[in-house]
Amino acid sequence: MNILNYKLSSTNELLTARIGLLATAHTINTLSLSNTIDQHFPALGSNCALKASTFINTLILSQHEGAQCLDDTTHIVKDKALRLITNQSVPT
């Protein structure tokens, strides 16, 4: 058995296993889908309510990831690197 001499340095950078969602998030941003959704949905009734675009963008990303129910959006909420890269707010 050969053992290779590799040394990996540790890092504090954030990593994500959901890198495939970047293309979908970039498409959402490029098409200004959030603005279009907010224009066509009714205005918010209170200051605590979520915008329709936040909810729909989260559903799009979770469906693209393979989610089967609304509880599967917690994977996106917990992934700090993905939220940092996509600049998406996610309902909790």
C-alpha atoms as a PDB file:
ATOM      1  CA  MET A   1       0.000   0.000   0.000  1.00  0.00           C
ATOM      2  CA  ASN A   2       1.384   3.387  -0.982  1.00  0.00           C
ATOM      3  CA  ILE A   3       0.815   6.332   1.299  1.00  0.00           C
ATOM      4  CA  LEU A   4       0.942   9.708  -0.387  1.00  0.00           C
ATOM      5  CA  ASN A   5       2.610  12.625   1.315  1.00  0.00           C
ATOM      6  CA  TYR A   6      -0.149  15.222   1.252  1.00  0.00           C
ATOM      7  CA  LYS A   7      -0.666  17.798   3.919  1.00  0.00           C
ATOM      8  CA  LEU A   8      -3.829  19.826   3.937  1.00  0.00           C
ATOM      9  CA  SER A   9      -3.946  23.087   5.777  1.00  0.00           C
ATOM     10  CA  SER A  10      -7.031  23.960   7.753  1.00  0.00           C
ATOM     11  CA  THR A  11      -9.200  26.897   6.796  1.00  0.00           C
ATOM     12  CA  ASN A  12     -12.055  28.860   8.287  1.00  0.00           C
ATOM     13  CA  GLU A  13     -13.770  29.476   4.947  1.00  0.00           C
ATOM     14  CA  LEU A  14     -17.388  28.427   4.530  1.00  0.00           C
ATOM     15  CA  LEU A  15     -18.051  25.430   2.276  1.00  0.00           C
ATOM     16  CA  THR A  16     -21.288  24.203   0.736  1.00  0.00           C
ATOM     17  CA  ALA A  17     -22.378  20.923  -0.787  1.00  0.00           C
ATOM     18  CA  ARG A  18     -25.195  22.648  -2.696  1.00  0.00           C
ATOM     19  CA  ILE A  19     -23.061  24.422  -5.264  1.00  0.00           C
ATOM     20  CA  GLY A  20     -25.488  23.405  -8.029  1.00  0.00           C
ATOM     21  CA  LEU A  21     -28.055  25.847  -6.660  1.00  0.00           C
ATOM     22  CA  LEU A  22     -25.829  28.761  -7.654  1.00  0.00           C
ATOM     23  CA  ALA A  23     -26.911  28.541 -11.291  1.00  0.00           C
ATOM     24  CA  THR A  24     -30.569  28.672 -10.281  1.00  0.00           C
ATOM     25  CA  ALA A  25     -29.989  31.556  -7.861  1.00  0.00           C
ATOM     26  CA  HIS A  26     -28.007  33.447 -10.516  1.00  0.00           C
ATOM     27  CA  THR A  27     -30.846  32.965 -13.016  1.00  0.00           C
ATOM     28  CA  ILE A  28     -33.346  34.285 -10.458  1.00  0.00           C
ATOM     29  CA  ASN A  29     -31.184  37.388  -9.931  1.00  0.00           C
ATOM     30  CA  THR A  30     -30.461  37.922 -13.639  1.00  0.00           C
ATOM     31  CA  LEU A  31     -34.136  37.786 -14.605  1.00  0.00           C
ATOM     32  CA  SER A  32     -35.067  40.121 -11.711  1.00  0.00           C
ATOM     33  CA  LEU A  33     -37.613  37.502 -10.763  1.00  0.00           C
ATOM     34  CA  SER A  34     -37.979  38.927  -7.249  1.00  0.00           C
ATOM     35  CA  ASN A  35     -39.090  42.318  -8.588  1.00  0.00           C
ATOM     36  CA  THR A  36     -41.530  40.724 -11.029  1.00  0.00           C
ATOM     37  CA  ILE A  37     -43.057  38.536  -8.325  1.00  0.00           C
ATOM     38  CA  ASP A  38     -43.427  41.456  -5.911  1.00  0.00           C
ATOM     39  CA  GLN A  39     -45.131  43.552  -8.622  1.00  0.00           C
ATOM     40  CA  HIS A  40     -47.748  40.900  -9.412  1.00  0.00           C
ATOM     41  CA  PHE A  41     -48.555  39.757  -5.885  1.00  0.00           C
ATOM     42  CA  PRO A  42     -50.580  41.873  -3.450  1.00  0.00           C
ATOM     43  CA  ALA A  43     -48.836  44.242  -1.056  1.00  0.00           C
ATOM     44  CA  LEU A  44     -47.897  43.071   2.407  1.00  0.00           C
ATOM     45  CA  GLY A  45     -50.529  43.417   5.108  1.00  0.00           C
ATOM     46  CA  SER A  46     -48.104  43.918   7.991  1.00  0.00           C
ATOM     47  CA  ASN A  47     -44.496  44.771   8.716  1.00  0.00           C
ATOM     48  CA  CYS A  48     -43.791  41.212   9.895  1.00  0.00           C
ATOM     49  CA  ALA A  49     -45.015  39.510   6.723  1.00  0.00           C
ATOM     50  CA  LEU A  50     -42.635  37.947   4.217  1.00  0.00           C
ATOM     51  CA  LYS A  51     -42.500  39.234   0.674  1.00  0.00           C
ATOM     52  CA  ALA A  52     -43.930  36.843  -1.877  1.00  0.00           C
ATOM     53  CA  SER A  53     -40.597  36.784  -3.704  1.00  0.00           C
ATOM     54  CA  THR A  54     -38.770  35.540  -0.602  1.00  0.00           C
ATOM     55  CA  PHE A  55     -41.196  32.660  -0.222  1.00  0.00           C
ATOM     56  CA  ILE A  56     -41.280  31.734  -3.929  1.00  0.00           C
ATOM     57  CA  ASN A  57     -37.500  31.994  -4.428  1.00  0.00           C
ATOM     58  CA  THR A  58     -37.004  29.672  -1.460  1.00  0.00           C
ATOM     59  CA  LEU A  59     -39.476  27.204  -2.946  1.00  0.00           C
ATOM     60  CA  ILE A  60     -37.704  27.336  -6.315  1.00  0.00           C
ATOM     61  CA  LEU A  61     -34.318  26.644  -4.726  1.00  0.00           C
ATOM     62  CA  SER A  62     -35.654  23.862  -2.516  1.00  0.00           C
ATOM     63  CA  GLN A  63     -37.483  22.186  -5.418  1.00  0.00           C
ATOM     64  CA  HIS A  64     -34.337  22.400  -7.534  1.00  0.00           C
ATOM     65  CA  GLU A  65     -32.441  20.740  -4.684  1.00  0.00           C
ATOM     66  CA  GLY A  66     -34.960  17.890  -4.616  1.00  0.00           C
ATOM     67  CA  ALA A  67     -37.061  18.862  -1.622  1.00  0.00           C
ATOM     68  CA  GLN A  68     -40.358  17.059  -1.208  1.00  0.00           C
ATOM     69  CA  CYS A  69     -42.040  19.202   1.447  1.00  0.00           C
ATOM     70  CA  LEU A  70     -41.815  22.654   3.013  1.00  0.00           C
ATOM     71  CA  ASP A  71     -39.749  21.329   5.913  1.00  0.00           C
ATOM     72  CA  ASP A  72     -36.918  20.622   3.478  1.00  0.00           C
ATOM     73  CA  THR A  73     -36.207  24.357   3.212  1.00  0.00           C
ATOM     74  CA  THR A  74     -34.319  24.064   6.505  1.00  0.00           C
ATOM     75  CA  HIS A  75     -31.356  22.726   4.512  1.00  0.00           C
ATOM     76  CA  ILE A  76     -31.093  26.078   2.754  1.00  0.00           C
ATOM     77  CA  VAL A  77     -31.560  28.017   6.003  1.00  0.00           C
ATOM     78  CA  LYS A  78     -28.723  26.134   7.713  1.00  0.00           C
ATOM     79  CA  ASP A  79     -26.283  26.453   4.799  1.00  0.00           C
ATOM     80  CA  LYS A  80     -24.500  29.728   5.612  1.00  0.00           C
ATOM     81  CA  ALA A  81     -22.172  29.557   2.606  1.00  0.00           C
ATOM     82  CA  LEU A  82     -25.056  29.173   0.150  1.00  0.00           C
ATOM     83  CA  ARG A  83     -26.958  32.091   1.671  1.00  0.00           C
ATOM     84  CA  LEU A  84     -23.817  34.223   1.564  1.00  0.00           C
ATOM     85  CA  ILE A  85     -23.140  33.428  -2.098  1.00  0.00           C
ATOM     86  CA  THR A  86     -26.725  33.678  -3.369  1.00  0.00           C
ATOM     87  CA  ASN A  87     -27.615  36.672  -1.191  1.00  0.00           C
ATOM     88  CA  GLN A  88     -31.059  35.163  -0.635  1.00  0.00           C
ATOM     89  CA  SER A  89     -33.162  35.701   2.439  1.00  0.00           C
ATOM     90  CA  VAL A  90     -34.899  32.508   3.484  1.00  0.00           C
ATOM     91  CA  PRO A  91     -38.038  32.159   5.595  1.00  0.00           C
ATOM     92  CA  THR A  92     -37.589  30.159   8.776  1.00  0.00           C
END
